[in-house]
Amino acid sequence: MNDDVKQSEAAPHAAADSAPGASAAASSAETETLQADIAALNDRLLRLQADFDNFRKRSQRERLELRRQVIEELLADLLPVIDHFEMGLEAAARAGISNGVRAGFEAVRGQFVEALKRWGVEEIEALGRPFDPHQHEAVAHEPSPDARPDTVVRVLKKGYRIGERLLRAAQVVVAAGTSEPSVPEEGGDA
């Protein structure tokens, strides 16, 4: 029985010794398989790196967009505060409140406006300018002998933007074409 084990152990060695080319072929096939595996792993690594880079860039864009939205919402909530502050200053001037008190409130208003500017908020210039539906909201039309038609003659509520984005359109009164309503001529095709 010991002889049978020795013969079965010797059989593979004998086959390997009898075909030295077979060993080289097996080694070559094994090398090609390993190289293909390495190429596939390198490809996976490159794709994972690209996916991660895309994820990083997308996350950064989303973070910046969220930050911009939060800032815009906060600033839009603060705009009515400055509107009411300015209305209060105008009312104080009409009521004859002391200059010292008004000057103090003007200083606070100035600080508030400067803080808004530091965040990139700009007031939209409207008075005397041509009406622009992208920046102005026409609340009314009125005849104005001093202004050309479609020119802003009064600002009811200031408009603001942050960069190129509109926070709030200026509510304005726009000059109408003439002070007399146009009446169709009589005697035409009736």
C-alpha atoms as a PDB file:
ATOM      1  CA  MET A   1       0.000   0.000   0.000  1.00  0.00           C
ATOM      2  CA  ASN A   2       2.921   2.245   0.675  1.00  0.00           C
ATOM      3  CA  ASP A   3       4.066   1.624  -2.899  1.00  0.00           C
ATOM      4  CA  ASP A   4       0.688   2.858  -4.265  1.00  0.00           C
ATOM      5  CA  VAL A   5       1.042   6.168  -2.395  1.00  0.00           C
ATOM      6  CA  LYS A   6       4.567   6.625  -3.640  1.00  0.00           C
ATOM      7  CA  GLN A   7       3.478   5.980  -7.241  1.00  0.00           C
ATOM      8  CA  SER A   8       0.564   8.462  -7.052  1.00  0.00           C
ATOM      9  CA  GLU A   9       2.861  11.140  -5.591  1.00  0.00           C
ATOM     10  CA  ALA A  10       5.448  10.495  -8.226  1.00  0.00           C
ATOM     11  CA  ALA A  11       2.964  10.616 -11.112  1.00  0.00           C
ATOM     12  CA  PRO A  12       2.502  14.419 -11.140  1.00  0.00           C
ATOM     13  CA  HIS A  13       6.246  14.991 -10.833  1.00  0.00           C
ATOM     14  CA  ALA A  14       6.853  12.594 -13.661  1.00  0.00           C
ATOM     15  CA  ALA A  15       4.308  14.406 -15.850  1.00  0.00           C
ATOM     16  CA  ALA A  16       5.867  17.772 -15.046  1.00  0.00           C
ATOM     17  CA  ASP A  17       9.330  16.409 -15.780  1.00  0.00           C
ATOM     18  CA  SER A  18       8.193  14.859 -19.044  1.00  0.00           C
ATOM     19  CA  ALA A  19       6.676  18.174 -20.336  1.00  0.00           C
ATOM     20  CA  PRO A  20       8.836  21.172 -19.425  1.00  0.00           C
ATOM     21  CA  GLY A  21       6.943  23.322 -21.979  1.00  0.00           C
ATOM     22  CA  ALA A  22       3.658  22.642 -20.186  1.00  0.00           C
ATOM     23  CA  SER A  23       5.005  24.268 -17.039  1.00  0.00           C
ATOM     24  CA  ALA A  24       6.034  27.374 -18.958  1.00  0.00           C
ATOM     25  CA  ALA A  25       2.639  27.553 -20.667  1.00  0.00           C
ATOM     26  CA  ALA A  26       0.857  27.286 -17.322  1.00  0.00           C
ATOM     27  CA  SER A  27       3.106  29.982 -15.912  1.00  0.00           C
ATOM     28  CA  SER A  28       2.437  32.228 -18.919  1.00  0.00           C
ATOM     29  CA  ALA A  29      -1.343  31.739 -18.611  1.00  0.00           C
ATOM     30  CA  GLU A  30      -1.151  32.465 -14.914  1.00  0.00           C
ATOM     31  CA  THR A  31       0.855  35.662 -15.628  1.00  0.00           C
ATOM     32  CA  GLU A  32      -1.699  36.810 -18.215  1.00  0.00           C
ATOM     33  CA  THR A  33      -4.529  36.163 -15.753  1.00  0.00           C
ATOM     34  CA  LEU A  34      -2.731  38.133 -13.064  1.00  0.00           C
ATOM     35  CA  GLN A  35      -2.036  41.016 -15.479  1.00  0.00           C
ATOM     36  CA  ALA A  36      -5.710  41.080 -16.514  1.00  0.00           C
ATOM     37  CA  ASP A  37      -6.706  41.141 -12.835  1.00  0.00           C
ATOM     38  CA  ILE A  38      -4.269  44.021 -12.192  1.00  0.00           C
ATOM     39  CA  ALA A  39      -5.644  45.946 -15.197  1.00  0.00           C
ATOM     40  CA  ALA A  40      -9.224  45.417 -13.978  1.00  0.00           C
ATOM     41  CA  LEU A  41      -8.310  46.570 -10.457  1.00  0.00           C
ATOM     42  CA  ASN A  42      -6.522  49.647 -11.849  1.00  0.00           C
ATOM     43  CA  ASP A  43      -9.600  50.442 -13.929  1.00  0.00           C
ATOM     44  CA  ARG A  44     -11.845  50.096 -10.854  1.00  0.00           C
ATOM     45  CA  LEU A  45      -9.463  52.297  -8.863  1.00  0.00           C
ATOM     46  CA  LEU A  46      -9.524  55.023 -11.543  1.00  0.00           C
ATOM     47  CA  ARG A  47     -13.323  54.900 -11.720  1.00  0.00           C
ATOM     48  CA  LEU A  48     -13.628  55.092  -7.936  1.00  0.00           C
ATOM     49  CA  GLN A  49     -11.253  58.049  -7.851  1.00  0.00           C
ATOM     50  CA  ALA A  50     -13.276  59.808 -10.560  1.00  0.00           C
ATOM     51  CA  ASP A  51     -16.540  59.045  -8.735  1.00  0.00           C
ATOM     52  CA  PHE A  52     -15.118  60.388  -5.496  1.00  0.00           C
ATOM     53  CA  ASP A  53     -13.844  63.536  -7.226  1.00  0.00           C
ATOM     54  CA  ASN A  54     -17.286  64.093  -8.789  1.00  0.00           C
ATOM     55  CA  PHE A  55     -18.934  63.500  -5.401  1.00  0.00           C
ATOM     56  CA  ARG A  56     -16.586  66.018  -3.761  1.00  0.00           C
ATOM     57  CA  LYS A  57     -17.296  68.658  -6.411  1.00  0.00           C
ATOM     58  CA  ARG A  58     -21.067  68.059  -6.286  1.00  0.00           C
ATOM     59  CA  SER A  59     -21.038  68.267  -2.480  1.00  0.00           C
ATOM     60  CA  GLN A  60     -19.130  71.536  -2.618  1.00  0.00           C
ATOM     61  CA  ARG A  61     -21.599  72.989  -5.165  1.00  0.00           C
ATOM     62  CA  GLU A  62     -24.561  71.870  -3.056  1.00  0.00           C
ATOM     63  CA  ARG A  63     -22.997  73.347   0.091  1.00  0.00           C
ATOM     64  CA  LEU A  64     -22.408  76.696  -1.642  1.00  0.00           C
ATOM     65  CA  GLU A  65     -25.946  76.708  -3.069  1.00  0.00           C
ATOM     66  CA  LEU A  66     -27.436  75.957   0.356  1.00  0.00           C
ATOM     67  CA  ARG A  67     -25.343  78.745   1.903  1.00  0.00           C
ATOM     68  CA  ARG A  68     -26.495  81.176  -0.796  1.00  0.00           C
ATOM     69  CA  GLN A  69     -30.146  80.215  -0.247  1.00  0.00           C
ATOM     70  CA  VAL A  70     -29.915  80.646   3.530  1.00  0.00           C
ATOM     71  CA  ILE A  71     -28.240  84.050   3.171  1.00  0.00           C
ATOM     72  CA  GLU A  72     -30.825  85.206   0.625  1.00  0.00           C
ATOM     73  CA  GLU A  73     -33.709  84.098   2.849  1.00  0.00           C
ATOM     74  CA  LEU A  74     -32.235  85.865   5.874  1.00  0.00           C
ATOM     75  CA  LEU A  75     -31.568  89.059   3.954  1.00  0.00           C
ATOM     76  CA  ALA A  76     -35.045  88.989   2.398  1.00  0.00           C
ATOM     77  CA  ASP A  77     -36.470  88.767   5.933  1.00  0.00           C
ATOM     78  CA  LEU A  78     -34.399  91.800   6.973  1.00  0.00           C
ATOM     79  CA  LEU A  79     -35.504  94.038   4.074  1.00  0.00           C
ATOM     80  CA  PRO A  80     -38.886  94.924   5.645  1.00  0.00           C
ATOM     81  CA  VAL A  81     -36.996  95.998   8.778  1.00  0.00           C
ATOM     82  CA  ILE A  82     -35.051  98.610   6.838  1.00  0.00           C
ATOM     83  CA  ASP A  83     -38.246  99.657   5.021  1.00  0.00           C
ATOM     84  CA  HIS A  84     -40.008 100.314   8.329  1.00  0.00           C
ATOM     85  CA  PHE A  85     -36.937 102.018   9.736  1.00  0.00           C
ATOM     86  CA  GLU A  86     -36.878 104.428   6.784  1.00  0.00           C
ATOM     87  CA  MET A  87     -40.638 105.052   7.054  1.00  0.00           C
ATOM     88  CA  GLY A  88     -40.140 105.858  10.744  1.00  0.00           C
ATOM     89  CA  LEU A  89     -37.356 108.315   9.911  1.00  0.00           C
ATOM     90  CA  GLU A  90     -39.564 110.043   7.330  1.00  0.00           C
ATOM     91  CA  ALA A  91     -42.443 110.234   9.818  1.00  0.00           C
ATOM     92  CA  ALA A  92     -40.097 111.622  12.492  1.00  0.00           C
ATOM     93  CA  ALA A  93     -38.925 114.321  10.089  1.00  0.00           C
ATOM     94  CA  ARG A  94     -42.539 115.292   9.258  1.00  0.00           C
ATOM     95  CA  ALA A  95     -43.497 115.284  12.955  1.00  0.00           C
ATOM     96  CA  GLY A  96     -40.603 117.549  13.843  1.00  0.00           C
ATOM     97  CA  ILE A  97     -38.855 115.149  16.210  1.00  0.00           C
ATOM     98  CA  SER A  98     -35.558 116.582  17.433  1.00  0.00           C
ATOM     99  CA  ASN A  99     -32.603 116.488  15.085  1.00  0.00           C
ATOM    100  CA  GLY A 100     -30.469 114.671  17.672  1.00  0.00           C
ATOM    101  CA  VAL A 101     -32.868 111.715  17.874  1.00  0.00           C
ATOM    102  CA  ARG A 102     -33.242 111.582  14.088  1.00  0.00           C
ATOM    103  CA  ALA A 103     -29.458 111.749  13.670  1.00  0.00           C
ATOM    104  CA  GLY A 104     -29.063 108.792  16.029  1.00  0.00           C
ATOM    105  CA  PHE A 105     -31.587 106.769  14.058  1.00  0.00           C
ATOM    106  CA  GLU A 106     -29.897 107.806  10.795  1.00  0.00           C
ATOM    107  CA  ALA A 107     -26.596 106.479  12.177  1.00  0.00           C
ATOM    108  CA  VAL A 108     -28.208 103.141  13.074  1.00  0.00           C
ATOM    109  CA  ARG A 109     -29.815 102.995   9.629  1.00  0.00           C
ATOM    110  CA  GLY A 110     -26.408 103.671   8.064  1.00  0.00           C
ATOM    111  CA  GLN A 111     -24.848 100.806  10.018  1.00  0.00           C
ATOM    112  CA  PHE A 112     -27.628  98.491   8.903  1.00  0.00           C
ATOM    113  CA  VAL A 113     -27.182  99.492   5.241  1.00  0.00           C
ATOM    114  CA  GLU A 114     -23.401  98.989   5.502  1.00  0.00           C
ATOM    115  CA  ALA A 115     -23.919  95.540   7.015  1.00  0.00           C
ATOM    116  CA  LEU A 116     -26.169  94.626   4.091  1.00  0.00           C
ATOM    117  CA  LYS A 117     -23.515  95.883   1.649  1.00  0.00           C
ATOM    118  CA  ARG A 118     -20.874  93.691   3.306  1.00  0.00           C
ATOM    119  CA  TRP A 119     -23.100  90.714   2.477  1.00  0.00           C
ATOM    120  CA  GLY A 120     -23.294  91.852  -1.134  1.00  0.00           C
ATOM    121  CA  VAL A 121     -26.751  93.440  -1.001  1.00  0.00           C
ATOM    122  CA  GLU A 122     -27.185  96.377  -3.360  1.00  0.00           C
ATOM    123  CA  GLU A 123     -30.091  98.768  -3.663  1.00  0.00           C
ATOM    124  CA  ILE A 124     -31.663  98.840  -7.125  1.00  0.00           C
ATOM    125  CA  GLU A 125     -31.569 102.339  -8.565  1.00  0.00           C
ATOM    126  CA  ALA A 126     -35.019 103.064  -9.948  1.00  0.00           C
ATOM    127  CA  LEU A 127     -36.005 106.748  -9.737  1.00  0.00           C
ATOM    128  CA  GLY A 128     -35.704 108.478 -13.115  1.00  0.00           C
ATOM    129  CA  ARG A 129     -34.660 105.278 -14.863  1.00  0.00           C
ATOM    130  CA  PRO A 130     -36.547 103.435 -17.600  1.00  0.00           C
ATOM    131  CA  PHE A 131     -38.932 100.803 -16.262  1.00  0.00           C
ATOM    132  CA  ASP A 132     -37.290  97.361 -16.233  1.00  0.00           C
ATOM    133  CA  PRO A 133     -39.657  94.466 -15.507  1.00  0.00           C
ATOM    134  CA  HIS A 134     -36.690  92.369 -14.349  1.00  0.00           C
ATOM    135  CA  GLN A 135     -35.948  94.815 -11.509  1.00  0.00           C
ATOM    136  CA  HIS A 136     -39.102  96.862 -11.039  1.00  0.00           C
ATOM    137  CA  GLU A 137     -42.689  96.042 -10.158  1.00  0.00           C
ATOM    138  CA  ALA A 138     -45.057  98.655 -11.594  1.00  0.00           C
ATOM    139  CA  VAL A 139     -47.712  99.382  -8.985  1.00  0.00           C
ATOM    140  CA  ALA A 140     -49.320 102.289 -10.860  1.00  0.00           C
ATOM    141  CA  HIS A 141     -49.055 104.540 -13.904  1.00  0.00           C
ATOM    142  CA  GLU A 142     -49.534 108.274 -13.611  1.00  0.00           C
ATOM    143  CA  PRO A 143     -49.238 111.162 -16.013  1.00  0.00           C
ATOM    144  CA  SER A 144     -46.039 113.117 -15.614  1.00  0.00           C
ATOM    145  CA  PRO A 145     -45.228 116.152 -17.742  1.00  0.00           C
ATOM    146  CA  ASP A 146     -41.588 116.057 -16.559  1.00  0.00           C
ATOM    147  CA  ALA A 147     -40.814 112.437 -17.382  1.00  0.00           C
ATOM    148  CA  ARG A 148     -40.748 110.390 -20.545  1.00  0.00           C
ATOM    149  CA  PRO A 149     -43.262 107.537 -20.797  1.00  0.00           C
ATOM    150  CA  ASP A 150     -42.252 104.300 -19.070  1.00  0.00           C
ATOM    151  CA  THR A 151     -39.862 106.101 -16.733  1.00  0.00           C
ATOM    152  CA  VAL A 152     -39.975 105.502 -12.994  1.00  0.00           C
ATOM    153  CA  VAL A 153     -41.329 108.663 -11.350  1.00  0.00           C
ATOM    154  CA  ARG A 154     -41.742 107.401  -7.775  1.00  0.00           C
ATOM    155  CA  VAL A 155     -40.342 104.542  -5.697  1.00  0.00           C
ATOM    156  CA  LEU A 156     -42.814 103.137  -3.199  1.00  0.00           C
ATOM    157  CA  LYS A 157     -40.579 100.365  -1.897  1.00  0.00           C
ATOM    158  CA  LYS A 158     -36.888  99.991  -2.661  1.00  0.00           C
ATOM    159  CA  GLY A 159     -35.663  96.930  -4.501  1.00  0.00           C
ATOM    160  CA  TYR A 160     -32.536  94.965  -3.666  1.00  0.00           C
ATOM    161  CA  ARG A 161     -30.300  92.379  -5.273  1.00  0.00           C
ATOM    162  CA  ILE A 162     -27.378  90.278  -4.139  1.00  0.00           C
ATOM    163  CA  GLY A 163     -24.896  90.029  -6.963  1.00  0.00           C
ATOM    164  CA  GLU A 164     -26.972  89.428 -10.074  1.00  0.00           C
ATOM    165  CA  ARG A 165     -29.824  87.747  -8.169  1.00  0.00           C
ATOM    166  CA  LEU A 166     -32.941  89.748  -7.361  1.00  0.00           C
ATOM    167  CA  LEU A 167     -33.917  89.696  -3.681  1.00  0.00           C
ATOM    168  CA  ARG A 168     -36.907  91.983  -4.109  1.00  0.00           C
ATOM    169  CA  ALA A 169     -38.123  94.058  -7.030  1.00  0.00           C
ATOM    170  CA  ALA A 170     -38.549  97.795  -6.485  1.00  0.00           C
ATOM    171  CA  GLN A 171     -42.224  98.761  -6.314  1.00  0.00           C
ATOM    172  CA  VAL A 172     -42.549 101.811  -8.510  1.00  0.00           C
ATOM    173  CA  VAL A 173     -44.926 104.264 -10.160  1.00  0.00           C
ATOM    174  CA  VAL A 174     -44.277 104.623 -13.886  1.00  0.00           C
ATOM    175  CA  ALA A 175     -44.915 107.674 -16.041  1.00  0.00           C
ATOM    176  CA  ALA A 176     -47.850 107.296 -18.432  1.00  0.00           C
ATOM    177  CA  GLY A 177     -47.671 108.538 -22.019  1.00  0.00           C
ATOM    178  CA  THR A 178     -49.767 111.686 -21.736  1.00  0.00           C
ATOM    179  CA  SER A 179     -51.807 113.475 -19.117  1.00  0.00           C
ATOM    180  CA  GLU A 180     -54.956 113.293 -21.268  1.00  0.00           C
ATOM    181  CA  PRO A 181     -56.604 109.958 -21.943  1.00  0.00           C
ATOM    182  CA  SER A 182     -56.536 108.985 -25.575  1.00  0.00           C
ATOM    183  CA  VAL A 183     -60.050 109.048 -27.099  1.00  0.00           C
ATOM    184  CA  PRO A 184     -60.774 107.439 -30.448  1.00  0.00           C
ATOM    185  CA  GLU A 185     -61.780 109.916 -33.132  1.00  0.00           C
ATOM    186  CA  GLU A 186     -65.469 110.122 -34.030  1.00  0.00           C
ATOM    187  CA  GLY A 187     -66.677 109.512 -37.533  1.00  0.00           C
ATOM    188  CA  GLY A 188     -64.440 106.518 -38.115  1.00  0.00           C
ATOM    189  CA  ASP A 189     -65.495 102.931 -38.784  1.00  0.00           C
ATOM    190  CA  ALA A 190     -68.090 102.471 -36.076  1.00  0.00           C
END
